[in-house]
PDB file of N, CA and C in Angstrom:
ATOM      1  N   MET A   1     180.457 111.407 215.496  1.00  0.00           N
ATOM      2  CA  MET A   1     180.996 110.958 214.181  1.00  0.00           C
ATOM      3  C   MET A   1     179.865 110.214 213.461  1.00  0.00           C
ATOM      4  N   LEU A   2     179.745 110.507 212.142  1.00  0.00           N
ATOM      5  CA  LEU A   2     178.704 109.861 211.342  1.00  0.00           C
ATOM      6  C   LEU A   2     179.093 108.447 211.028  1.00  0.00           C
ATOM      7  N   GLU A   3     178.123 107.560 211.091  1.00  0.00           N
ATOM      8  CA  GLU A   3     178.319 106.180 210.704  1.00  0.00           C
ATOM      9  C   GLU A   3     177.958 106.056 209.214  1.00  0.00           C
ATOM     10  N   GLU A   4     178.447 105.003 208.568  1.00  0.00           N
ATOM     11  CA  GLU A   4     178.146 104.798 207.150  1.00  0.00           C
ATOM     12  C   GLU A   4     176.623 104.793 206.917  1.00  0.00           C
ATOM     13  N   LYS A   5     175.852 104.202 207.822  1.00  0.00           N
ATOM     14  CA  LYS A   5     174.410 104.131 207.626  1.00  0.00           C
ATOM     15  C   LYS A   5     173.764 105.504 207.681  1.00  0.00           C
ATOM     16  N   ASP A   6     174.397 106.474 208.338  1.00  0.00           N
ATOM     17  CA  ASP A   6     173.868 107.846 208.383  1.00  0.00           C
ATOM     18  C   ASP A   6     174.198 108.673 207.145  1.00  0.00           C
ATOM     19  N   ILE A   7     175.208 108.227 206.405  1.00  0.00           N
ATOM     20  CA  ILE A   7     175.672 109.019 205.257  1.00  0.00           C
ATOM     21  C   ILE A   7     174.922 108.640 203.990  1.00  0.00           C
ATOM     22  N   CYS A   8     174.707 107.370 203.793  1.00  0.00           N
ATOM     23  CA  CYS A   8     174.137 106.934 202.495  1.00  0.00           C
ATOM     24  C   CYS A   8     172.657 107.156 202.436  1.00  0.00           C
ATOM     25  N   CYS A   9     172.160 107.170 201.246  1.00  0.00           N
ATOM     26  CA  CYS A   9     170.730 107.407 201.052  1.00  0.00           C
ATOM     27  C   CYS A   9     169.924 106.139 201.355  1.00  0.00           C
ATOM     28  N   SER A  10     168.673 106.332 201.717  1.00  0.00           N
ATOM     29  CA  SER A  10     167.809 105.182 201.831  1.00  0.00           C
ATOM     30  C   SER A  10     166.733 105.301 200.781  1.00  0.00           C
ATOM     31  N   GLY A  11     166.289 104.196 200.245  1.00  0.00           N
ATOM     32  CA  GLY A  11     165.285 104.245 199.194  1.00  0.00           C
ATOM     33  C   GLY A  11     165.886 104.699 197.869  1.00  0.00           C
ATOM     34  N   LYS A  12     165.025 105.025 196.928  1.00  0.00           N
ATOM     35  CA  LYS A  12     165.425 105.388 195.587  1.00  0.00           C
ATOM     36  C   LYS A  12     165.523 106.899 195.463  1.00  0.00           C
ATOM     37  N   ALA A  13     166.672 107.412 195.184  1.00  0.00           N
ATOM     38  CA  ALA A  13     166.891 108.850 194.948  1.00  0.00           C
ATOM     39  C   ALA A  13     166.435 109.187 193.546  1.00  0.00           C
ATOM     40  N   LYS A  14     166.108 110.457 193.281  1.00  0.00           N
ATOM     41  CA  LYS A  14     165.748 110.844 191.923  1.00  0.00           C
ATOM     42  C   LYS A  14     166.888 110.590 190.978  1.00  0.00           C
ATOM     43  N   LYS A  15     168.057 111.064 191.304  1.00  0.00           N
ATOM     44  CA  LYS A  15     169.282 110.813 190.559  1.00  0.00           C
ATOM     45  C   LYS A  15     170.440 110.966 191.530  1.00  0.00           C
ATOM     46  N   ILE A  16     171.446 110.176 191.336  1.00  0.00           N
ATOM     47  CA  ILE A  16     172.695 110.358 192.050  1.00  0.00           C
ATOM     48  C   ILE A  16     173.767 110.746 191.020  1.00  0.00           C
ATOM     49  N   ILE A  17     174.558 111.744 191.402  1.00  0.00           N
ATOM     50  CA  ILE A  17     175.607 112.221 190.514  1.00  0.00           C
ATOM     51  C   ILE A  17     176.932 111.875 191.120  1.00  0.00           C
ATOM     52  N   LEU A  18     177.749 111.185 190.310  1.00  0.00           N
ATOM     53  CA  LEU A  18     179.091 110.768 190.722  1.00  0.00           C
ATOM     54  C   LEU A  18     180.084 111.365 189.744  1.00  0.00           C
ATOM     55  N   SER A  19     181.255 111.754 190.268  1.00  0.00           N
ATOM     56  CA  SER A  19     182.233 112.333 189.349  1.00  0.00           C
ATOM     57  C   SER A  19     183.630 111.933 189.723  1.00  0.00           C
ATOM     58  N   CYS A  20     184.483 112.003 188.706  1.00  0.00           N
ATOM     59  CA  CYS A  20     185.918 111.957 188.872  1.00  0.00           C
ATOM     60  C   CYS A  20     186.303 113.203 189.667  1.00  0.00           C
ATOM     61  N   ALA A  21     187.349 113.138 190.392  1.00  0.00           N
ATOM     62  CA  ALA A  21     187.909 114.335 191.030  1.00  0.00           C
ATOM     63  C   ALA A  21     189.426 114.216 190.961  1.00  0.00           C
ATOM     64  N   GLY A  22     189.880 113.814 189.793  1.00  0.00           N
ATOM     65  CA  GLY A  22     191.290 113.556 189.578  1.00  0.00           C
ATOM     66  C   GLY A  22     192.180 114.744 189.581  1.00  0.00           C
ATOM     67  N   GLY A  23     193.467 114.493 189.473  1.00  0.00           N
ATOM     68  CA  GLY A  23     194.506 115.515 189.630  1.00  0.00           C
ATOM     69  C   GLY A  23     194.809 116.259 188.337  1.00  0.00           C
ATOM     70  N   SER A  24     193.816 116.485 187.527  1.00  0.00           N
ATOM     71  CA  SER A  24     193.992 117.289 186.284  1.00  0.00           C
ATOM     72  C   SER A  24     192.861 118.290 186.215  1.00  0.00           C
ATOM     73  N   ASN A  25     192.963 119.188 185.267  1.00  0.00           N
ATOM     74  CA  ASN A  25     191.860 120.159 185.082  1.00  0.00           C
ATOM     75  C   ASN A  25     190.545 119.480 184.848  1.00  0.00           C
ATOM     76  N   VAL A  26     190.504 118.460 184.022  1.00  0.00           N
ATOM     77  CA  VAL A  26     189.214 117.810 183.699  1.00  0.00           C
ATOM     78  C   VAL A  26     188.638 117.028 184.826  1.00  0.00           C
ATOM     79  N   GLY A  27     189.481 116.489 185.707  1.00  0.00           N
ATOM     80  CA  GLY A  27     188.986 115.861 186.948  1.00  0.00           C
ATOM     81  C   GLY A  27     188.334 116.874 187.858  1.00  0.00           C
ATOM     82  N   GLN A  28     188.946 118.011 188.004  1.00  0.00           N
ATOM     83  CA  GLN A  28     188.356 119.039 188.851  1.00  0.00           C
ATOM     84  C   GLN A  28     187.109 119.650 188.207  1.00  0.00           C
ATOM     85  N   ILE A  29     187.076 119.743 186.906  1.00  0.00           N
ATOM     86  CA  ILE A  29     185.898 120.225 186.194  1.00  0.00           C
ATOM     87  C   ILE A  29     184.743 119.243 186.407  1.00  0.00           C
ATOM     88  N   SER A  30     185.040 117.967 186.326  1.00  0.00           N
ATOM     89  CA  SER A  30     183.999 116.931 186.586  1.00  0.00           C
ATOM     90  C   SER A  30     183.370 117.112 187.942  1.00  0.00           C
ATOM     91  N   ASN A  31     184.203 117.295 188.929  1.00  0.00           N
ATOM     92  CA  ASN A  31     183.683 117.472 190.278  1.00  0.00           C
ATOM     93  C   ASN A  31     182.858 118.756 190.404  1.00  0.00           C
ATOM     94  N   SER A  32     183.322 119.839 189.779  1.00  0.00           N
ATOM     95  CA  SER A  32     182.583 121.098 189.826  1.00  0.00           C
ATOM     96  C   SER A  32     181.253 120.953 189.146  1.00  0.00           C
ATOM     97  N   ILE A  33     181.178 120.253 188.050  1.00  0.00           N
ATOM     98  CA  ILE A  33     179.913 120.024 187.346  1.00  0.00           C
ATOM     99  C   ILE A  33     178.936 119.254 188.222  1.00  0.00           C
ATOM    100  N   MET A  34     179.440 118.231 188.910  1.00  0.00           N
ATOM    101  CA  MET A  34     178.613 117.465 189.836  1.00  0.00           C
ATOM    102  C   MET A  34     177.964 118.402 190.870  1.00  0.00           C
ATOM    103  N   ILE A  35     178.768 119.285 191.456  1.00  0.00           N
ATOM    104  CA  ILE A  35     178.268 120.205 192.477  1.00  0.00           C
ATOM    105  C   ILE A  35     177.221 121.158 191.872  1.00  0.00           C
ATOM    106  N   GLU A  36     177.473 121.682 190.689  1.00  0.00           N
ATOM    107  CA  GLU A  36     176.551 122.604 190.033  1.00  0.00           C
ATOM    108  C   GLU A  36     175.243 121.922 189.686  1.00  0.00           C
ATOM    109  N   LEU A  37     175.302 120.686 189.197  1.00  0.00           N
ATOM    110  CA  LEU A  37     174.082 119.962 188.863  1.00  0.00           C
ATOM    111  C   LEU A  37     173.258 119.683 190.132  1.00  0.00           C
ATOM    112  N   ASP A  38     173.942 119.423 191.261  1.00  0.00           N
ATOM    113  CA  ASP A  38     173.260 119.248 192.527  1.00  0.00           C
ATOM    114  C   ASP A  38     172.557 120.529 192.934  1.00  0.00           C
ATOM    115  N   LYS A  39     173.269 121.646 192.843  1.00  0.00           N
ATOM    116  CA  LYS A  39     172.688 122.955 193.183  1.00  0.00           C
ATOM    117  C   LYS A  39     171.441 123.250 192.351  1.00  0.00           C
ATOM    118  N   LYS A  40     171.451 122.818 191.110  1.00  0.00           N
ATOM    119  CA  LYS A  40     170.367 123.116 190.175  1.00  0.00           C
ATOM    120  C   LYS A  40     169.248 122.106 190.300  1.00  0.00           C
ATOM    121  N   GLY A  41     169.350 121.130 191.217  1.00  0.00           N
ATOM    122  CA  GLY A  41     168.296 120.201 191.460  1.00  0.00           C
ATOM    123  C   GLY A  41     168.216 119.031 190.492  1.00  0.00           C
ATOM    124  N   VAL A  42     169.262 118.817 189.686  1.00  0.00           N
ATOM    125  CA  VAL A  42     169.259 117.734 188.728  1.00  0.00           C
ATOM    126  C   VAL A  42     169.333 116.383 189.436  1.00  0.00           C
ATOM    127  N   GLY A  43     170.066 116.322 190.511  1.00  0.00           N
ATOM    128  CA  GLY A  43     170.264 115.129 191.291  1.00  0.00           C
ATOM    129  C   GLY A  43     171.068 115.427 192.537  1.00  0.00           C
ATOM    130  N   ASN A  44     171.464 114.384 193.231  1.00  0.00           N
ATOM    131  CA  ASN A  44     172.194 114.543 194.466  1.00  0.00           C
ATOM    132  C   ASN A  44     173.669 114.127 194.252  1.00  0.00           C
ATOM    133  N   ALA A  45     174.582 115.028 194.591  1.00  0.00           N
ATOM    134  CA  ALA A  45     176.004 114.713 194.557  1.00  0.00           C
ATOM    135  C   ALA A  45     176.219 113.534 195.542  1.00  0.00           C
ATOM    136  N   PHE A  46     177.099 112.619 195.161  1.00  0.00           N
ATOM    137  CA  PHE A  46     177.313 111.411 195.970  1.00  0.00           C
ATOM    138  C   PHE A  46     178.766 111.067 196.021  1.00  0.00           C
ATOM    139  N   CYS A  47     179.149 110.271 196.984  1.00  0.00           N
ATOM    140  CA  CYS A  47     180.557 109.975 197.261  1.00  0.00           C
ATOM    141  C   CYS A  47     181.069 108.760 196.483  1.00  0.00           C
ATOM    142  N   LEU A  48     181.797 108.993 195.466  1.00  0.00           N
ATOM    143  CA  LEU A  48     182.405 107.901 194.685  1.00  0.00           C
ATOM    144  C   LEU A  48     183.445 107.150 195.543  1.00  0.00           C
ATOM    145  N   ALA A  49     184.115 107.836 196.430  1.00  0.00           N
ATOM    146  CA  ALA A  49     185.105 107.184 197.293  1.00  0.00           C
ATOM    147  C   ALA A  49     184.470 106.125 198.188  1.00  0.00           C
ATOM    148  N   GLY A  50     183.225 106.366 198.611  1.00  0.00           N
ATOM    149  CA  GLY A  50     182.541 105.387 199.432  1.00  0.00           C
ATOM    150  C   GLY A  50     182.295 104.078 198.673  1.00  0.00           C
ATOM    151  N   ILE A  51     182.009 104.218 197.410  1.00  0.00           N
ATOM    152  CA  ILE A  51     181.818 103.029 196.544  1.00  0.00           C
ATOM    153  C   ILE A  51     183.160 102.365 196.286  1.00  0.00           C
ATOM    154  N   GLY A  52     184.159 103.182 195.964  1.00  0.00           N
ATOM    155  CA  GLY A  52     185.507 102.668 195.738  1.00  0.00           C
ATOM    156  C   GLY A  52     186.090 101.989 196.968  1.00  0.00           C
ATOM    157  N   GLY A  53     185.671 102.467 198.145  1.00  0.00           N
ATOM    158  CA  GLY A  53     186.133 101.900 199.405  1.00  0.00           C
ATOM    159  C   GLY A  53     185.340 100.692 199.833  1.00  0.00           C
ATOM    160  N   ASP A  54     184.459 100.212 198.958  1.00  0.00           N
ATOM    161  CA  ASP A  54     183.649  99.030 199.187  1.00  0.00           C
ATOM    162  C   ASP A  54     182.711  99.144 200.413  1.00  0.00           C
ATOM    163  N   LEU A  55     182.211 100.315 200.661  1.00  0.00           N
ATOM    164  CA  LEU A  55     181.270 100.506 201.787  1.00  0.00           C
ATOM    165  C   LEU A  55     179.874 100.132 201.298  1.00  0.00           C
ATOM    166  N   SER A  56     179.314  99.143 201.927  1.00  0.00           N
ATOM    167  CA  SER A  56     178.063  98.539 201.436  1.00  0.00           C
ATOM    168  C   SER A  56     176.902  99.486 201.292  1.00  0.00           C
ATOM    169  N   GLY A  57     176.736 100.408 202.229  1.00  0.00           N
ATOM    170  CA  GLY A  57     175.653 101.358 202.115  1.00  0.00           C
ATOM    171  C   GLY A  57     175.744 102.232 200.902  1.00  0.00           C
ATOM    172  N   PHE A  58     176.935 102.673 200.578  1.00  0.00           N
ATOM    173  CA  PHE A  58     177.150 103.478 199.385  1.00  0.00           C
ATOM    174  C   PHE A  58     176.910 102.681 198.106  1.00  0.00           C
ATOM    175  N   ILE A  59     177.348 101.441 198.092  1.00  0.00           N
ATOM    176  CA  ILE A  59     177.159 100.560 196.939  1.00  0.00           C
ATOM    177  C   ILE A  59     175.682 100.318 196.719  1.00  0.00           C
ATOM    178  N   GLU A  60     174.948  99.990 197.766  1.00  0.00           N
ATOM    179  CA  GLU A  60     173.510  99.716 197.627  1.00  0.00           C
ATOM    180  C   GLU A  60     172.746 100.975 197.213  1.00  0.00           C
ATOM    181  N   SER A  61     173.136 102.136 197.725  1.00  0.00           N
ATOM    182  CA  SER A  61     172.483 103.370 197.304  1.00  0.00           C
ATOM    183  C   SER A  61     172.687 103.607 195.799  1.00  0.00           C
ATOM    184  N   ALA A  62     173.894 103.357 195.345  1.00  0.00           N
ATOM    185  CA  ALA A  62     174.204 103.542 193.924  1.00  0.00           C
ATOM    186  C   ALA A  62     173.406 102.547 193.084  1.00  0.00           C
ATOM    187  N   ARG A  63     173.277 101.350 193.554  1.00  0.00           N
ATOM    188  CA  ARG A  63     172.539 100.313 192.805  1.00  0.00           C
ATOM    189  C   ARG A  63     171.040 100.665 192.694  1.00  0.00           C
ATOM    190  N   SER A  64     170.523 101.364 193.666  1.00  0.00           N
ATOM    191  CA  SER A  64     169.064 101.600 193.711  1.00  0.00           C
ATOM    192  C   SER A  64     168.688 102.949 193.093  1.00  0.00           C
ATOM    193  N   ALA A  65     169.609 103.633 192.445  1.00  0.00           N
ATOM    194  CA  ALA A  65     169.325 104.982 191.900  1.00  0.00           C
ATOM    195  C   ALA A  65     169.665 105.033 190.434  1.00  0.00           C
ATOM    196  N   ASP A  66     169.116 106.037 189.768  1.00  0.00           N
ATOM    197  CA  ASP A  66     169.558 106.385 188.414  1.00  0.00           C
ATOM    198  C   ASP A  66     170.847 107.194 188.622  1.00  0.00           C
ATOM    199  N   LEU A  67     171.872 106.845 187.884  1.00  0.00           N
ATOM    200  CA  LEU A  67     173.180 107.466 188.052  1.00  0.00           C
ATOM    201  C   LEU A  67     173.606 108.319 186.863  1.00  0.00           C
ATOM    202  N   ILE A  68     174.049 109.487 187.194  1.00  0.00           N
ATOM    203  CA  ILE A  68     174.750 110.336 186.247  1.00  0.00           C
ATOM    204  C   ILE A  68     176.224 110.279 186.643  1.00  0.00           C
ATOM    205  N   VAL A  69     177.045 109.841 185.726  1.00  0.00           N
ATOM    206  CA  VAL A  69     178.507 109.733 186.020  1.00  0.00           C
ATOM    207  C   VAL A  69     179.255 110.626 185.061  1.00  0.00           C
ATOM    208  N   ILE A  70     180.185 111.379 185.666  1.00  0.00           N
ATOM    209  CA  ILE A  70     180.998 112.318 184.901  1.00  0.00           C
ATOM    210  C   ILE A  70     182.464 111.998 185.121  1.00  0.00           C
ATOM    211  N   ASP A  71     183.119 111.514 184.083  1.00  0.00           N
ATOM    212  CA  ASP A  71     184.571 111.278 184.134  1.00  0.00           C
ATOM    213  C   ASP A  71     185.284 112.429 183.459  1.00  0.00           C
ATOM    214  N   GLY A  72     186.515 112.692 183.866  1.00  0.00           N
ATOM    215  CA  GLY A  72     187.279 113.760 183.248  1.00  0.00           C
ATOM    216  C   GLY A  72     187.863 113.372 181.899  1.00  0.00           C
ATOM    217  N   CYS A  73     188.313 112.149 181.801  1.00  0.00           N
ATOM    218  CA  CYS A  73     188.992 111.714 180.570  1.00  0.00           C
ATOM    219  C   CYS A  73     188.658 110.274 180.230  1.00  0.00           C
ATOM    220  N   PRO A  74     189.085 109.761 179.126  1.00  0.00           N
ATOM    221  CA  PRO A  74     188.724 108.411 178.710  1.00  0.00           C
ATOM    222  C   PRO A  74     189.261 107.296 179.583  1.00  0.00           C
ATOM    223  N   VAL A  75     190.209 107.593 180.498  1.00  0.00           N
ATOM    224  CA  VAL A  75     190.642 106.571 181.425  1.00  0.00           C
ATOM    225  C   VAL A  75     189.472 106.016 182.193  1.00  0.00           C
ATOM    226  N   GLY A  76     188.475 106.842 182.509  1.00  0.00           N
ATOM    227  CA  GLY A  76     187.193 106.401 183.042  1.00  0.00           C
ATOM    228  C   GLY A  76     187.227 105.871 184.497  1.00  0.00           C
ATOM    229  N   CYS A  77     187.971 106.491 185.341  1.00  0.00           N
ATOM    230  CA  CYS A  77     188.109 105.979 186.713  1.00  0.00           C
ATOM    231  C   CYS A  77     186.758 105.810 187.430  1.00  0.00           C
ATOM    232  N   ALA A  78     185.859 106.790 187.308  1.00  0.00           N
ATOM    233  CA  ALA A  78     184.572 106.729 188.012  1.00  0.00           C
ATOM    234  C   ALA A  78     183.792 105.534 187.475  1.00  0.00           C
ATOM    235  N   LYS A  79     183.747 105.402 186.154  1.00  0.00           N
ATOM    236  CA  LYS A  79     182.987 104.307 185.567  1.00  0.00           C
ATOM    237  C   LYS A  79     183.572 102.933 186.011  1.00  0.00           C
ATOM    238  N   LYS A  80     184.923 102.851 186.109  1.00  0.00           N
ATOM    239  CA  LYS A  80     185.578 101.603 186.499  1.00  0.00           C
ATOM    240  C   LYS A  80     185.298 101.243 187.954  1.00  0.00           C
ATOM    241  N   VAL A  81     185.163 102.234 188.816  1.00  0.00           N
ATOM    242  CA  VAL A  81     184.797 101.976 190.214  1.00  0.00           C
ATOM    243  C   VAL A  81     183.416 101.317 190.255  1.00  0.00           C
ATOM    244  N   LEU A  82     182.500 101.823 189.473  1.00  0.00           N
ATOM    245  CA  LEU A  82     181.165 101.232 189.422  1.00  0.00           C
ATOM    246  C   LEU A  82     181.156  99.851 188.787  1.00  0.00           C
ATOM    247  N   GLU A  83     181.933  99.644 187.761  1.00  0.00           N
ATOM    248  CA  GLU A  83     181.995  98.348 187.064  1.00  0.00           C
ATOM    249  C   GLU A  83     182.464  97.245 188.049  1.00  0.00           C
ATOM    250  N   ARG A  84     183.333  97.578 188.982  1.00  0.00           N
ATOM    251  CA  ARG A  84     183.799  96.597 189.971  1.00  0.00           C
ATOM    252  C   ARG A  84     182.658  96.030 190.771  1.00  0.00           C
ATOM    253  N   HIS A  85     181.554  96.774 190.862  1.00  0.00           N
ATOM    254  CA  HIS A  85     180.409  96.350 191.643  1.00  0.00           C
ATOM    255  C   HIS A  85     179.195  96.015 190.746  1.00  0.00           C
ATOM    256  N   GLY A  86     179.416  95.919 189.431  1.00  0.00           N
ATOM    257  CA  GLY A  86     178.365  95.544 188.527  1.00  0.00           C
ATOM    258  C   GLY A  86     177.308  96.653 188.375  1.00  0.00           C
ATOM    259  N   ILE A  87     177.713  97.892 188.566  1.00  0.00           N
ATOM    260  CA  ILE A  87     176.754  99.029 188.476  1.00  0.00           C
ATOM    261  C   ILE A  87     176.994  99.767 187.159  1.00  0.00           C
ATOM    262  N   ARG A  88     175.903 100.067 186.480  1.00  0.00           N
ATOM    263  CA  ARG A  88     176.001 100.811 185.206  1.00  0.00           C
ATOM    264  C   ARG A  88     175.295 102.142 185.375  1.00  0.00           C
ATOM    265  N   PRO A  89     175.924 103.205 184.882  1.00  0.00           N
ATOM    266  CA  PRO A  89     175.268 104.504 184.947  1.00  0.00           C
ATOM    267  C   PRO A  89     174.112 104.643 183.978  1.00  0.00           C
ATOM    268  N   SER A  90     173.138 105.437 184.306  1.00  0.00           N
ATOM    269  CA  SER A  90     172.032 105.773 183.396  1.00  0.00           C
ATOM    270  C   SER A  90     172.548 106.746 182.321  1.00  0.00           C
ATOM    271  N   ASP A  91     173.370 107.687 182.736  1.00  0.00           N
ATOM    272  CA  ASP A  91     173.933 108.695 181.861  1.00  0.00           C
ATOM    273  C   ASP A  91     175.436 108.785 182.165  1.00  0.00           C
ATOM    274  N   TYR A  92     176.247 108.868 181.088  1.00  0.00           N
ATOM    275  CA  TYR A  92     177.700 108.884 181.252  1.00  0.00           C
ATOM    276  C   TYR A  92     178.299 109.934 180.354  1.00  0.00           C
ATOM    277  N   TYR A  93     179.161 110.768 180.925  1.00  0.00           N
ATOM    278  CA  TYR A  93     179.819 111.834 180.238  1.00  0.00           C
ATOM    279  C   TYR A  93     181.312 111.834 180.486  1.00  0.00           C
ATOM    280  N   ILE A  94     182.082 112.243 179.464  1.00  0.00           N
ATOM    281  CA  ILE A  94     183.534 112.395 179.594  1.00  0.00           C
ATOM    282  C   ILE A  94     183.878 113.826 179.205  1.00  0.00           C
ATOM    283  N   VAL A  95     184.445 114.586 180.106  1.00  0.00           N
ATOM    284  CA  VAL A  95     184.712 115.993 179.885  1.00  0.00           C
ATOM    285  C   VAL A  95     185.569 116.269 178.646  1.00  0.00           C
ATOM    286  N   THR A  96     186.592 115.447 178.431  1.00  0.00           N
ATOM    287  CA  THR A  96     187.437 115.647 177.247  1.00  0.00           C
ATOM    288  C   THR A  96     186.684 115.470 175.946  1.00  0.00           C
ATOM    289  N   GLU A  97     185.607 114.732 175.981  1.00  0.00           N
ATOM    290  CA  GLU A  97     184.782 114.536 174.778  1.00  0.00           C
ATOM    291  C   GLU A  97     183.791 115.708 174.574  1.00  0.00           C
ATOM    292  N   LEU A  98     183.772 116.615 175.564  1.00  0.00           N
ATOM    293  CA  LEU A  98     182.897 117.777 175.483  1.00  0.00           C
ATOM    294  C   LEU A  98     183.682 119.037 175.185  1.00  0.00           C
ATOM    295  N   GLY A  99     184.954 118.868 174.724  1.00  0.00           N
ATOM    296  CA  GLY A  99     185.664 120.016 174.180  1.00  0.00           C
ATOM    297  C   GLY A  99     186.759 120.613 175.052  1.00  0.00           C
ATOM    298  N   ILE A 100     187.089 119.934 176.159  1.00  0.00           N
ATOM    299  CA  ILE A 100     188.185 120.480 177.045  1.00  0.00           C
ATOM    300  C   ILE A 100     189.336 119.537 176.954  1.00  0.00           C
ATOM    301  N   GLU A 101     190.537 120.102 176.743  1.00  0.00           N
ATOM    302  CA  GLU A 101     191.759 119.306 176.688  1.00  0.00           C
ATOM    303  C   GLU A 101     192.281 119.075 178.093  1.00  0.00           C
ATOM    304  N   LYS A 102     192.699 117.832 178.352  1.00  0.00           N
ATOM    305  CA  LYS A 102     193.254 117.500 179.646  1.00  0.00           C
ATOM    306  C   LYS A 102     194.654 118.083 179.814  1.00  0.00           C
ATOM    307  N   ASN A 103     194.869 118.710 180.969  1.00  0.00           N
ATOM    308  CA  ASN A 103     196.168 119.257 181.327  1.00  0.00           C
ATOM    309  C   ASN A 103     196.260 119.440 182.827  1.00  0.00           C
ATOM    310  N   HIS A 104     197.299 119.977 183.292  1.00  0.00           N
ATOM    311  CA  HIS A 104     197.500 120.233 184.726  1.00  0.00           C
ATOM    312  C   HIS A 104     197.489 121.717 185.036  1.00  0.00           C
ATOM    313  N   ASN A 105     196.790 122.467 184.219  1.00  0.00           N
ATOM    314  CA  ASN A 105     196.679 123.927 184.419  1.00  0.00           C
ATOM    315  C   ASN A 105     195.337 124.190 185.056  1.00  0.00           C
ATOM    316  N   PHE A 106     195.341 124.702 186.313  1.00  0.00           N
ATOM    317  CA  PHE A 106     194.105 124.941 187.072  1.00  0.00           C
ATOM    318  C   PHE A 106     193.676 126.422 187.023  1.00  0.00           C
ATOM    319  N   ASP A 107     194.337 127.214 186.195  1.00  0.00           N
ATOM    320  CA  ASP A 107     194.046 128.660 186.138  1.00  0.00           C
ATOM    321  C   ASP A 107     192.717 128.988 185.471  1.00  0.00           C
ATOM    322  N   ARG A 108     192.215 128.089 184.622  1.00  0.00           N
ATOM    323  CA  ARG A 108     190.986 128.381 183.867  1.00  0.00           C
ATOM    324  C   ARG A 108     189.802 127.493 184.236  1.00  0.00           C
ATOM    325  N   LEU A 109     189.855 126.935 185.441  1.00  0.00           N
ATOM    326  CA  LEU A 109     188.800 125.991 185.838  1.00  0.00           C
ATOM    327  C   LEU A 109     187.403 126.587 185.765  1.00  0.00           C
ATOM    328  N   LYS A 110     187.265 127.844 186.205  1.00  0.00           N
ATOM    329  CA  LYS A 110     185.943 128.445 186.223  1.00  0.00           C
ATOM    330  C   LYS A 110     185.352 128.558 184.817  1.00  0.00           C
ATOM    331  N   GLU A 111     186.152 129.097 183.900  1.00  0.00           N
ATOM    332  CA  GLU A 111     185.705 129.257 182.515  1.00  0.00           C
ATOM    333  C   GLU A 111     185.441 127.894 181.830  1.00  0.00           C
ATOM    334  N   GLU A 112     186.363 126.943 182.053  1.00  0.00           N
ATOM    335  CA  GLU A 112     186.183 125.616 181.462  1.00  0.00           C
ATOM    336  C   GLU A 112     184.965 124.922 181.986  1.00  0.00           C
ATOM    337  N   THR A 113     184.744 125.050 183.310  1.00  0.00           N
ATOM    338  CA  THR A 113     183.540 124.423 183.914  1.00  0.00           C
ATOM    339  C   THR A 113     182.286 125.018 183.324  1.00  0.00           C
ATOM    340  N   GLU A 114     182.222 126.345 183.203  1.00  0.00           N
ATOM    341  CA  GLU A 114     181.071 127.015 182.635  1.00  0.00           C
ATOM    342  C   GLU A 114     180.805 126.552 181.209  1.00  0.00           C
ATOM    343  N   ALA A 115     181.871 126.401 180.437  1.00  0.00           N
ATOM    344  CA  ALA A 115     181.727 125.982 179.040  1.00  0.00           C
ATOM    345  C   ALA A 115     181.121 124.573 178.958  1.00  0.00           C
ATOM    346  N   VAL A 116     181.580 123.674 179.791  1.00  0.00           N
ATOM    347  CA  VAL A 116     181.081 122.306 179.787  1.00  0.00           C
ATOM    348  C   VAL A 116     179.679 122.224 180.418  1.00  0.00           C
ATOM    349  N   LEU A 117     179.478 122.927 181.466  1.00  0.00           N
ATOM    350  CA  LEU A 117     178.190 122.910 182.191  1.00  0.00           C
ATOM    351  C   LEU A 117     177.026 123.263 181.249  1.00  0.00           C
ATOM    352  N   SER A 118     177.281 124.185 180.351  1.00  0.00           N
ATOM    353  CA  SER A 118     176.214 124.596 179.442  1.00  0.00           C
ATOM    354  C   SER A 118     175.726 123.425 178.561  1.00  0.00           C
ATOM    355  N   LYS A 119     176.582 122.420 178.397  1.00  0.00           N
ATOM    356  CA  LYS A 119     176.189 121.245 177.608  1.00  0.00           C
ATOM    357  C   LYS A 119     175.331 120.251 178.381  1.00  0.00           C
ATOM    358  N   PHE A 120     175.247 120.433 179.718  1.00  0.00           N
ATOM    359  CA  PHE A 120     174.413 119.598 180.554  1.00  0.00           C
ATOM    360  C   PHE A 120     173.040 120.156 180.768  1.00  0.00           C
ATOM    361  N   LEU A 121     172.891 121.442 180.580  1.00  0.00           N
ATOM    362  CA  LEU A 121     171.608 122.119 180.908  1.00  0.00           C
ATOM    363  C   LEU A 121     170.835 122.546 179.677  1.00  0.00           C
TER     364      LEU A 121
END
């Protein structure tokens, strides 16, 4: 079993990408964008839950990196998790502000993700 010290990054990462993964289309789109940006070498996908769970290694890794944070909607859950620890993102995006309406329809995730992803690249 991996220990917290084995999971978190050491030193300064080029970029850490954190996203909402909420129970709506835009939450899932946020998470998909994080994965795609990681695949394209923009930065490293990282565990927001580790920060929200107050795990010190995750918090320190986030503090020592440039952060790209992607929230699904203006509620801003990802950003609020970071604020609890005095962490500010370098770059911050909200999917609903990029042209996708929040709903609970998961049938168009692929198309909606592609539409938003094009605005990141």
